[in-house]
Amino acid sequence: MGLLVKFGIVTNDINSLEATGQVKVNGEIWSAKSESNILKGTKVEVKKIDGVKLIVEPKVEVLK
């Protein structure tokens, strides 16, 4: 569970309907899925691990 509260970058578009996509976290490529489609290059936050897939959401940038 060391990946929780980690951030990564989408390396292959995440398709929510097909549950496909990949992200790079800490230099490692992981299969990923999300409730929404996320495009390659988007920063994401790892919410949990489901088997061998990461469940991610787009990272929300806070403006100061």
PDB file of N, CA and C in Angstrom:
ATOM      1  N   MET A   1       0.813  -1.199   0.000  1.00  0.00           N
ATOM      2  CA  MET A   1       0.000   0.000   0.000  1.00  0.00           C
ATOM      3  C   MET A   1       0.854   1.260   0.000  1.00  0.00           C
ATOM      4  N   GLY A   2       2.103   1.151  -0.335  1.00  0.00           N
ATOM      5  CA  GLY A   2       2.983   2.303  -0.353  1.00  0.00           C
ATOM      6  C   GLY A   2       2.685   3.288  -1.460  1.00  0.00           C
ATOM      7  N   LEU A   3       1.772   2.952  -2.387  1.00  0.00           N
ATOM      8  CA  LEU A   3       1.471   3.859  -3.489  1.00  0.00           C
ATOM      9  C   LEU A   3       0.348   4.831  -3.165  1.00  0.00           C
ATOM     10  N   LEU A   4      -0.390   4.607  -2.089  1.00  0.00           N
ATOM     11  CA  LEU A   4      -1.480   5.508  -1.767  1.00  0.00           C
ATOM     12  C   LEU A   4      -0.942   6.893  -1.444  1.00  0.00           C
ATOM     13  N   VAL A   5      -1.699   7.891  -1.828  1.00  0.00           N
ATOM     14  CA  VAL A   5      -1.326   9.294  -1.704  1.00  0.00           C
ATOM     15  C   VAL A   5      -0.044   9.560  -2.490  1.00  0.00           C
ATOM     16  N   LYS A   6       0.025   8.976  -3.654  1.00  0.00           N
ATOM     17  CA  LYS A   6       1.132   9.205  -4.579  1.00  0.00           C
ATOM     18  C   LYS A   6       0.562   9.834  -5.836  1.00  0.00           C
ATOM     19  N   PHE A   7       1.437  10.453  -6.585  1.00  0.00           N
ATOM     20  CA  PHE A   7       1.033  11.103  -7.815  1.00  0.00           C
ATOM     21  C   PHE A   7       1.794  10.505  -8.981  1.00  0.00           C
ATOM     22  N   GLY A   8       1.209  10.586 -10.155  1.00  0.00           N
ATOM     23  CA  GLY A   8       1.848  10.060 -11.345  1.00  0.00           C
ATOM     24  C   GLY A   8       1.395  10.819 -12.577  1.00  0.00           C
ATOM     25  N   ILE A   9       1.835  10.307 -13.720  1.00  0.00           N
ATOM     26  CA  ILE A   9       1.509  10.893 -15.024  1.00  0.00           C
ATOM     27  C   ILE A   9       0.891   9.804 -15.890  1.00  0.00           C
ATOM     28  N   VAL A  10      -0.177  10.141 -16.591  1.00  0.00           N
ATOM     29  CA  VAL A  10      -0.805   9.195 -17.509  1.00  0.00           C
ATOM     30  C   VAL A  10       0.105   9.019 -18.720  1.00  0.00           C
ATOM     31  N   THR A  11       0.476   7.777 -19.021  1.00  0.00           N
ATOM     32  CA  THR A  11       1.351   7.492 -20.162  1.00  0.00           C
ATOM     33  C   THR A  11       0.572   6.962 -21.359  1.00  0.00           C
ATOM     34  N   ASN A  12      -0.588   6.347 -21.129  1.00  0.00           N
ATOM     35  CA  ASN A  12      -1.530   5.917 -22.170  1.00  0.00           C
ATOM     36  C   ASN A  12      -2.906   6.342 -21.696  1.00  0.00           C
ATOM     37  N   ASP A  13      -3.674   7.003 -22.576  1.00  0.00           N
ATOM     38  CA  ASP A  13      -4.995   7.502 -22.193  1.00  0.00           C
ATOM     39  C   ASP A  13      -5.769   6.483 -21.366  1.00  0.00           C
ATOM     40  N   ILE A  14      -6.466   6.980 -20.348  1.00  0.00           N
ATOM     41  CA  ILE A  14      -7.319   6.125 -19.526  1.00  0.00           C
ATOM     42  C   ILE A  14      -8.738   6.222 -20.071  1.00  0.00           C
ATOM     43  N   ASN A  15      -9.301   5.065 -20.426  1.00  0.00           N
ATOM     44  CA  ASN A  15     -10.661   4.974 -20.949  1.00  0.00           C
ATOM     45  C   ASN A  15     -11.521   4.359 -19.854  1.00  0.00           C
ATOM     46  N   SER A  16     -12.453   5.149 -19.327  1.00  0.00           N
ATOM     47  CA  SER A  16     -13.252   4.686 -18.191  1.00  0.00           C
ATOM     48  C   SER A  16     -14.190   3.541 -18.558  1.00  0.00           C
ATOM     49  N   LEU A  17     -14.718   3.518 -19.788  1.00  0.00           N
ATOM     50  CA  LEU A  17     -15.639   2.451 -20.182  1.00  0.00           C
ATOM     51  C   LEU A  17     -14.937   1.122 -20.372  1.00  0.00           C
ATOM     52  N   GLU A  18     -13.727   1.150 -20.918  1.00  0.00           N
ATOM     53  CA  GLU A  18     -12.981  -0.076 -21.171  1.00  0.00           C
ATOM     54  C   GLU A  18     -12.034  -0.446 -20.033  1.00  0.00           C
ATOM     55  N   ALA A  19     -11.915   0.439 -19.029  1.00  0.00           N
ATOM     56  CA  ALA A  19     -11.017   0.228 -17.883  1.00  0.00           C
ATOM     57  C   ALA A  19      -9.586  -0.030 -18.348  1.00  0.00           C
ATOM     58  N   THR A  20      -9.139   0.777 -19.330  1.00  0.00           N
ATOM     59  CA  THR A  20      -7.778   0.649 -19.850  1.00  0.00           C
ATOM     60  C   THR A  20      -7.019   1.951 -19.649  1.00  0.00           C
ATOM     61  N   GLY A  21      -5.710   1.838 -19.619  1.00  0.00           N
ATOM     62  CA  GLY A  21      -4.833   2.996 -19.497  1.00  0.00           C
ATOM     63  C   GLY A  21      -3.626   2.650 -18.651  1.00  0.00           C
ATOM     64  N   GLN A  22      -2.641   3.548 -18.684  1.00  0.00           N
ATOM     65  CA  GLN A  22      -1.422   3.337 -17.895  1.00  0.00           C
ATOM     66  C   GLN A  22      -0.956   4.650 -17.290  1.00  0.00           C
ATOM     67  N   VAL A  23      -0.321   4.515 -16.135  1.00  0.00           N
ATOM     68  CA  VAL A  23       0.292   5.666 -15.477  1.00  0.00           C
ATOM     69  C   VAL A  23       1.706   5.303 -15.034  1.00  0.00           C
ATOM     70  N   LYS A  24       2.526   6.328 -14.898  1.00  0.00           N
ATOM     71  CA  LYS A  24       3.885   6.148 -14.387  1.00  0.00           C
ATOM     72  C   LYS A  24       3.939   6.773 -13.003  1.00  0.00           C
ATOM     73  N   VAL A  25       4.284   5.936 -12.013  1.00  0.00           N
ATOM     74  CA  VAL A  25       4.389   6.377 -10.617  1.00  0.00           C
ATOM     75  C   VAL A  25       5.730   5.904 -10.084  1.00  0.00           C
ATOM     76  N   ASN A  26       6.508   6.825  -9.558  1.00  0.00           N
ATOM     77  CA  ASN A  26       7.831   6.489  -9.010  1.00  0.00           C
ATOM     78  C   ASN A  26       8.689   5.716 -10.003  1.00  0.00           C
ATOM     79  N   GLY A  27       8.600   6.087 -11.288  1.00  0.00           N
ATOM     80  CA  GLY A  27       9.421   5.459 -12.314  1.00  0.00           C
ATOM     81  C   GLY A  27       8.912   4.118 -12.815  1.00  0.00           C
ATOM     82  N   GLU A  28       7.777   3.650 -12.287  1.00  0.00           N
ATOM     83  CA  GLU A  28       7.204   2.364 -12.693  1.00  0.00           C
ATOM     84  C   GLU A  28       5.905   2.580 -13.453  1.00  0.00           C
ATOM     85  N   ILE A  29       5.679   1.768 -14.497  1.00  0.00           N
ATOM     86  CA  ILE A  29       4.442   1.826 -15.271  1.00  0.00           C
ATOM     87  C   ILE A  29       3.421   0.864 -14.673  1.00  0.00           C
ATOM     88  N   TRP A  30       2.215   1.371 -14.444  1.00  0.00           N
ATOM     89  CA  TRP A  30       1.119   0.582 -13.877  1.00  0.00           C
ATOM     90  C   TRP A  30      -0.097   0.670 -14.787  1.00  0.00           C
ATOM     91  N   SER A  31      -0.875  -0.406 -14.854  1.00  0.00           N
ATOM     92  CA  SER A  31      -2.199  -0.332 -15.459  1.00  0.00           C
ATOM     93  C   SER A  31      -3.059   0.506 -14.529  1.00  0.00           C
ATOM     94  N   ALA A  32      -3.986   1.270 -15.125  1.00  0.00           N
ATOM     95  CA  ALA A  32      -4.802   2.161 -14.298  1.00  0.00           C
ATOM     96  C   ALA A  32      -6.206   2.264 -14.847  1.00  0.00           C
ATOM     97  N   LYS A  33      -7.125   2.617 -13.962  1.00  0.00           N
ATOM     98  CA  LYS A  33      -8.490   2.918 -14.374  1.00  0.00           C
ATOM     99  C   LYS A  33      -9.017   4.067 -13.533  1.00  0.00           C
ATOM    100  N   SER A  34     -10.093   4.668 -14.042  1.00  0.00           N
ATOM    101  CA  SER A  34     -10.667   5.838 -13.396  1.00  0.00           C
ATOM    102  C   SER A  34     -12.152   5.894 -13.718  1.00  0.00           C
ATOM    103  N   GLU A  35     -12.889   6.702 -12.974  1.00  0.00           N
ATOM    104  CA  GLU A  35     -14.310   6.887 -13.247  1.00  0.00           C
ATOM    105  C   GLU A  35     -14.534   7.788 -14.456  1.00  0.00           C
ATOM    106  N   SER A  36     -13.490   8.511 -14.888  1.00  0.00           N
ATOM    107  CA  SER A  36     -13.603   9.395 -16.046  1.00  0.00           C
ATOM    108  C   SER A  36     -12.438   9.147 -16.990  1.00  0.00           C
ATOM    109  N   ASN A  37     -12.596   9.546 -18.236  1.00  0.00           N
ATOM    110  CA  ASN A  37     -11.498   9.451 -19.196  1.00  0.00           C
ATOM    111  C   ASN A  37     -10.430  10.470 -18.825  1.00  0.00           C
ATOM    112  N   ILE A  38      -9.167  10.072 -18.931  1.00  0.00           N
ATOM    113  CA  ILE A  38      -8.052  10.973 -18.614  1.00  0.00           C
ATOM    114  C   ILE A  38      -7.027  10.855 -19.732  1.00  0.00           C
ATOM    115  N   LEU A  39      -6.610  11.980 -20.262  1.00  0.00           N
ATOM    116  CA  LEU A  39      -5.686  12.000 -21.389  1.00  0.00           C
ATOM    117  C   LEU A  39      -4.230  11.846 -20.970  1.00  0.00           C
ATOM    118  N   LYS A  40      -3.449  11.298 -21.895  1.00  0.00           N
ATOM    119  CA  LYS A  40      -1.998  11.150 -21.715  1.00  0.00           C
ATOM    120  C   LYS A  40      -1.395  12.502 -21.332  1.00  0.00           C
ATOM    121  N   GLY A  41      -0.475  12.464 -20.370  1.00  0.00           N
ATOM    122  CA  GLY A  41       0.202  13.677 -19.921  1.00  0.00           C
ATOM    123  C   GLY A  41      -0.437  14.337 -18.721  1.00  0.00           C
ATOM    124  N   THR A  42      -1.632  13.878 -18.323  1.00  0.00           N
ATOM    125  CA  THR A  42      -2.333  14.452 -17.179  1.00  0.00           C
ATOM    126  C   THR A  42      -1.729  13.943 -15.872  1.00  0.00           C
ATOM    127  N   LYS A  43      -1.554  14.853 -14.912  1.00  0.00           N
ATOM    128  CA  LYS A  43      -1.103  14.443 -13.579  1.00  0.00           C
ATOM    129  C   LYS A  43      -2.283  13.831 -12.848  1.00  0.00           C
ATOM    130  N   VAL A  44      -2.040  12.703 -12.171  1.00  0.00           N
ATOM    131  CA  VAL A  44      -3.106  12.013 -11.449  1.00  0.00           C
ATOM    132  C   VAL A  44      -2.664  11.672 -10.030  1.00  0.00           C
ATOM    133  N   GLU A  45      -3.670  11.451  -9.192  1.00  0.00           N
ATOM    134  CA  GLU A  45      -3.446  11.007  -7.816  1.00  0.00           C
ATOM    135  C   GLU A  45      -3.931   9.575  -7.688  1.00  0.00           C
ATOM    136  N   VAL A  46      -3.132   8.724  -7.067  1.00  0.00           N
ATOM    137  CA  VAL A  46      -3.514   7.329  -6.829  1.00  0.00           C
ATOM    138  C   VAL A  46      -4.454   7.299  -5.626  1.00  0.00           C
ATOM    139  N   LYS A  47      -5.658   6.763  -5.837  1.00  0.00           N
ATOM    140  CA  LYS A  47      -6.647   6.695  -4.768  1.00  0.00           C
ATOM    141  C   LYS A  47      -6.633   5.343  -4.055  1.00  0.00           C
ATOM    142  N   LYS A  48      -6.445   4.258  -4.829  1.00  0.00           N
ATOM    143  CA  LYS A  48      -6.357   2.922  -4.223  1.00  0.00           C
ATOM    144  C   LYS A  48      -5.820   1.951  -5.253  1.00  0.00           C
ATOM    145  N   ILE A  49      -5.614   0.719  -4.807  1.00  0.00           N
ATOM    146  CA  ILE A  49      -5.134  -0.352  -5.669  1.00  0.00           C
ATOM    147  C   ILE A  49      -6.230  -1.409  -5.749  1.00  0.00           C
ATOM    148  N   ASP A  50      -6.567  -1.828  -6.980  1.00  0.00           N
ATOM    149  CA  ASP A  50      -7.573  -2.860  -7.201  1.00  0.00           C
ATOM    150  C   ASP A  50      -6.906  -3.998  -7.954  1.00  0.00           C
ATOM    151  N   GLY A  51      -6.456  -5.008  -7.230  1.00  0.00           N
ATOM    152  CA  GLY A  51      -5.697  -6.098  -7.850  1.00  0.00           C
ATOM    153  C   GLY A  51      -4.359  -5.581  -8.342  1.00  0.00           C
ATOM    154  N   VAL A  52      -4.165  -5.596  -9.673  1.00  0.00           N
ATOM    155  CA  VAL A  52      -2.906  -5.099 -10.242  1.00  0.00           C
ATOM    156  C   VAL A  52      -3.094  -3.749 -10.935  1.00  0.00           C
ATOM    157  N   LYS A  53      -4.262  -3.118 -10.727  1.00  0.00           N
ATOM    158  CA  LYS A  53      -4.531  -1.812 -11.340  1.00  0.00           C
ATOM    159  C   LYS A  53      -4.632  -0.735 -10.274  1.00  0.00           C
ATOM    160  N   LEU A  54      -4.143   0.446 -10.647  1.00  0.00           N
ATOM    161  CA  LEU A  54      -4.301   1.607  -9.783  1.00  0.00           C
ATOM    162  C   LEU A  54      -5.604   2.308 -10.133  1.00  0.00           C
ATOM    163  N   ILE A  55      -6.293   2.768  -9.126  1.00  0.00           N
ATOM    164  CA  ILE A  55      -7.481   3.597  -9.323  1.00  0.00           C
ATOM    165  C   ILE A  55      -7.000   5.032  -9.123  1.00  0.00           C
ATOM    166  N   VAL A  56      -7.182   5.861 -10.150  1.00  0.00           N
ATOM    167  CA  VAL A  56      -6.634   7.213 -10.116  1.00  0.00           C
ATOM    168  C   VAL A  56      -7.710   8.244 -10.417  1.00  0.00           C
ATOM    169  N   GLU A  57      -7.408   9.485 -10.031  1.00  0.00           N
ATOM    170  CA  GLU A  57      -8.228  10.648 -10.364  1.00  0.00           C
ATOM    171  C   GLU A  57      -7.295  11.754 -10.813  1.00  0.00           C
ATOM    172  N   PRO A  58      -7.797  12.641 -11.677  1.00  0.00           N
ATOM    173  CA  PRO A  58      -6.936  13.766 -12.063  1.00  0.00           C
ATOM    174  C   PRO A  58      -6.540  14.562 -10.830  1.00  0.00           C
ATOM    175  N   LYS A  59      -5.293  15.018 -10.807  1.00  0.00           N
ATOM    176  CA  LYS A  59      -4.807  15.811  -9.673  1.00  0.00           C
ATOM    177  C   LYS A  59      -5.390  17.213  -9.770  1.00  0.00           C
ATOM    178  N   VAL A  60      -5.964  17.668  -8.697  1.00  0.00           N
ATOM    179  CA  VAL A  60      -6.540  18.997  -8.661  1.00  0.00           C
ATOM    180  C   VAL A  60      -5.473  19.981  -8.209  1.00  0.00           C
ATOM    181  N   GLU A  61      -5.225  20.989  -9.046  1.00  0.00           N
ATOM    182  CA  GLU A  61      -4.248  22.019  -8.705  1.00  0.00           C
ATOM    183  C   GLU A  61      -4.945  23.102  -7.884  1.00  0.00           C
ATOM    184  N   VAL A  62      -4.364  23.453  -6.749  1.00  0.00           N
ATOM    185  CA  VAL A  62      -4.919  24.501  -5.902  1.00  0.00           C
ATOM    186  C   VAL A  62      -4.193  25.791  -6.224  1.00  0.00           C
ATOM    187  N   LEU A  63      -4.973  26.799  -6.616  1.00  0.00           N
ATOM    188  CA  LEU A  63      -4.387  28.107  -6.931  1.00  0.00           C
ATOM    189  C   LEU A  63      -4.211  28.908  -5.651  1.00  0.00           C
ATOM    190  N   LYS A  64      -3.070  29.551  -5.537  1.00  0.00           N
ATOM    191  CA  LYS A  64      -2.809  30.352  -4.329  1.00  0.00           C
ATOM    192  C   LYS A  64      -2.687  31.797  -4.699  1.00  0.00           C
TER     193      LYS A  64
END
